[in-house]
Amino acid sequence: MSGDTKKSSFEDNMKRIEAIVTALEKGDLPLDQALSQFEEGVSLVKLSSEQLDAAEQKVFKLLKTDEGYQAAPVDEKEMG
């Protein structure tokens, strides 16, 4: 895998996934490279899903008050 995917943004991950899909769809990669790309793609999809879950948790931390919505502190341990 190129770079540290744990620190990559969701948008960067999506671009990389798109590039992997495009390369795999061409069908001209040697089997070992195709498998490596597929493995990277699966890892990025899992990471992206975790990033989306974390973002969803931040949204759910919004609390309704009399004055409107107020963000509650997010526990970093919850973010994974």
C-alpha atoms as a PDB file:
ATOM      1  CA  MET A   1       0.000   0.000   0.000  1.00  0.00           C
ATOM      2  CA  SER A   2       1.200   3.467  -0.763  1.00  0.00           C
ATOM      3  CA  GLY A   3       1.423   5.813   2.200  1.00  0.00           C
ATOM      4  CA  ASP A   4      -0.107   5.465   5.624  1.00  0.00           C
ATOM      5  CA  THR A   5      -3.820   4.876   5.046  1.00  0.00           C
ATOM      6  CA  LYS A   6      -4.567   5.415   8.750  1.00  0.00           C
ATOM      7  CA  LYS A   7      -3.776   9.129   8.286  1.00  0.00           C
ATOM      8  CA  SER A   8      -5.262   9.544   4.825  1.00  0.00           C
ATOM      9  CA  SER A   9      -8.467  11.460   4.341  1.00  0.00           C
ATOM     10  CA  PHE A  10     -11.732   9.902   3.283  1.00  0.00           C
ATOM     11  CA  GLU A  11     -11.525  11.785  -0.010  1.00  0.00           C
ATOM     12  CA  ASP A  12      -7.986  10.538  -0.666  1.00  0.00           C
ATOM     13  CA  ASN A  13      -9.102   6.992   0.082  1.00  0.00           C
ATOM     14  CA  MET A  14     -12.002   7.279  -2.348  1.00  0.00           C
ATOM     15  CA  LYS A  15      -9.706   8.552  -5.110  1.00  0.00           C
ATOM     16  CA  ARG A  16      -7.328   5.649  -4.514  1.00  0.00           C
ATOM     17  CA  ILE A  17     -10.198   3.141  -4.521  1.00  0.00           C
ATOM     18  CA  GLU A  18     -11.409   4.572  -7.846  1.00  0.00           C
ATOM     19  CA  ALA A  19      -7.890   4.237  -9.302  1.00  0.00           C
ATOM     20  CA  ILE A  20      -7.676   0.634  -8.110  1.00  0.00           C
ATOM     21  CA  VAL A  21     -11.079  -0.239  -9.588  1.00  0.00           C
ATOM     22  CA  THR A  22     -10.090   1.335 -12.905  1.00  0.00           C
ATOM     23  CA  ALA A  23      -6.822  -0.621 -12.988  1.00  0.00           C
ATOM     24  CA  LEU A  24      -8.570  -3.884 -12.115  1.00  0.00           C
ATOM     25  CA  GLU A  25     -11.316  -3.310 -14.697  1.00  0.00           C
ATOM     26  CA  LYS A  26      -8.718  -2.979 -17.451  1.00  0.00           C
ATOM     27  CA  GLY A  27      -7.736  -6.561 -16.754  1.00  0.00           C
ATOM     28  CA  ASP A  28      -4.131  -6.157 -17.895  1.00  0.00           C
ATOM     29  CA  LEU A  29      -2.404  -6.463 -14.522  1.00  0.00           C
ATOM     30  CA  PRO A  30      -0.433  -9.597 -13.706  1.00  0.00           C
ATOM     31  CA  LEU A  31      -2.250 -11.777 -11.166  1.00  0.00           C
ATOM     32  CA  ASP A  32       0.061 -10.923  -8.250  1.00  0.00           C
ATOM     33  CA  GLN A  33      -0.354  -7.178  -8.870  1.00  0.00           C
ATOM     34  CA  ALA A  34      -4.116  -7.541  -9.291  1.00  0.00           C
ATOM     35  CA  LEU A  35      -4.356  -9.397  -5.986  1.00  0.00           C
ATOM     36  CA  SER A  36      -2.202  -6.784  -4.267  1.00  0.00           C
ATOM     37  CA  GLN A  37      -4.363  -3.968  -5.658  1.00  0.00           C
ATOM     38  CA  PHE A  38      -7.527  -5.813  -4.637  1.00  0.00           C
ATOM     39  CA  GLU A  39      -6.172  -6.300  -1.112  1.00  0.00           C
ATOM     40  CA  GLU A  40      -5.333  -2.592  -0.868  1.00  0.00           C
ATOM     41  CA  GLY A  41      -8.800  -1.697  -2.123  1.00  0.00           C
ATOM     42  CA  VAL A  42     -10.509  -3.902   0.454  1.00  0.00           C
ATOM     43  CA  SER A  43      -8.390  -2.334   3.198  1.00  0.00           C
ATOM     44  CA  LEU A  44      -9.256   1.182   1.996  1.00  0.00           C
ATOM     45  CA  VAL A  45     -12.969   0.367   1.811  1.00  0.00           C
ATOM     46  CA  LYS A  46     -12.848  -0.875   5.409  1.00  0.00           C
ATOM     47  CA  LEU A  47     -10.957   2.224   6.555  1.00  0.00           C
ATOM     48  CA  SER A  48     -13.350   4.518   4.680  1.00  0.00           C
ATOM     49  CA  SER A  49     -16.299   2.787   6.311  1.00  0.00           C
ATOM     50  CA  GLU A  50     -14.701   3.358   9.717  1.00  0.00           C
ATOM     51  CA  GLN A  51     -14.152   7.024   8.835  1.00  0.00           C
ATOM     52  CA  LEU A  52     -17.818   7.368   7.875  1.00  0.00           C
ATOM     53  CA  ASP A  53     -18.889   5.677  11.114  1.00  0.00           C
ATOM     54  CA  ALA A  54     -16.716   8.112  13.093  1.00  0.00           C
ATOM     55  CA  ALA A  55     -18.233  11.073  11.261  1.00  0.00           C
ATOM     56  CA  GLU A  56     -21.707   9.706  11.960  1.00  0.00           C
ATOM     57  CA  GLN A  57     -20.870   9.444  15.664  1.00  0.00           C
ATOM     58  CA  LYS A  58     -19.816  13.095  15.672  1.00  0.00           C
ATOM     59  CA  VAL A  59     -23.168  14.046  14.172  1.00  0.00           C
ATOM     60  CA  PHE A  60     -25.017  11.996  16.790  1.00  0.00           C
ATOM     61  CA  LYS A  61     -23.151  13.932  19.480  1.00  0.00           C
ATOM     62  CA  LEU A  62     -25.192  16.994  18.598  1.00  0.00           C
ATOM     63  CA  LEU A  63     -27.618  17.720  21.367  1.00  0.00           C
ATOM     64  CA  LYS A  64     -30.822  19.696  21.014  1.00  0.00           C
ATOM     65  CA  THR A  65     -31.101  22.556  23.478  1.00  0.00           C
ATOM     66  CA  ASP A  66     -33.619  25.348  23.922  1.00  0.00           C
ATOM     67  CA  GLU A  67     -31.303  27.617  21.919  1.00  0.00           C
ATOM     68  CA  GLY A  68     -30.885  25.145  19.046  1.00  0.00           C
ATOM     69  CA  TYR A  69     -28.230  22.552  18.535  1.00  0.00           C
ATOM     70  CA  GLN A  70     -25.040  22.412  20.515  1.00  0.00           C
ATOM     71  CA  ALA A  71     -22.090  20.119  19.839  1.00  0.00           C
ATOM     72  CA  ALA A  72     -21.189  17.832  22.708  1.00  0.00           C
ATOM     73  CA  PRO A  73     -17.545  16.990  23.339  1.00  0.00           C
ATOM     74  CA  VAL A  74     -16.432  13.910  21.445  1.00  0.00           C
ATOM     75  CA  ASP A  75     -14.415  11.328  23.349  1.00  0.00           C
ATOM     76  CA  GLU A  76     -11.373  10.524  21.170  1.00  0.00           C
ATOM     77  CA  LYS A  77     -11.495   6.913  22.415  1.00  0.00           C
ATOM     78  CA  GLU A  78     -14.882   6.584  20.695  1.00  0.00           C
ATOM     79  CA  MET A  79     -13.288   7.687  17.433  1.00  0.00           C
ATOM     80  CA  GLY A  80     -11.070   4.616  17.326  1.00  0.00           C
END
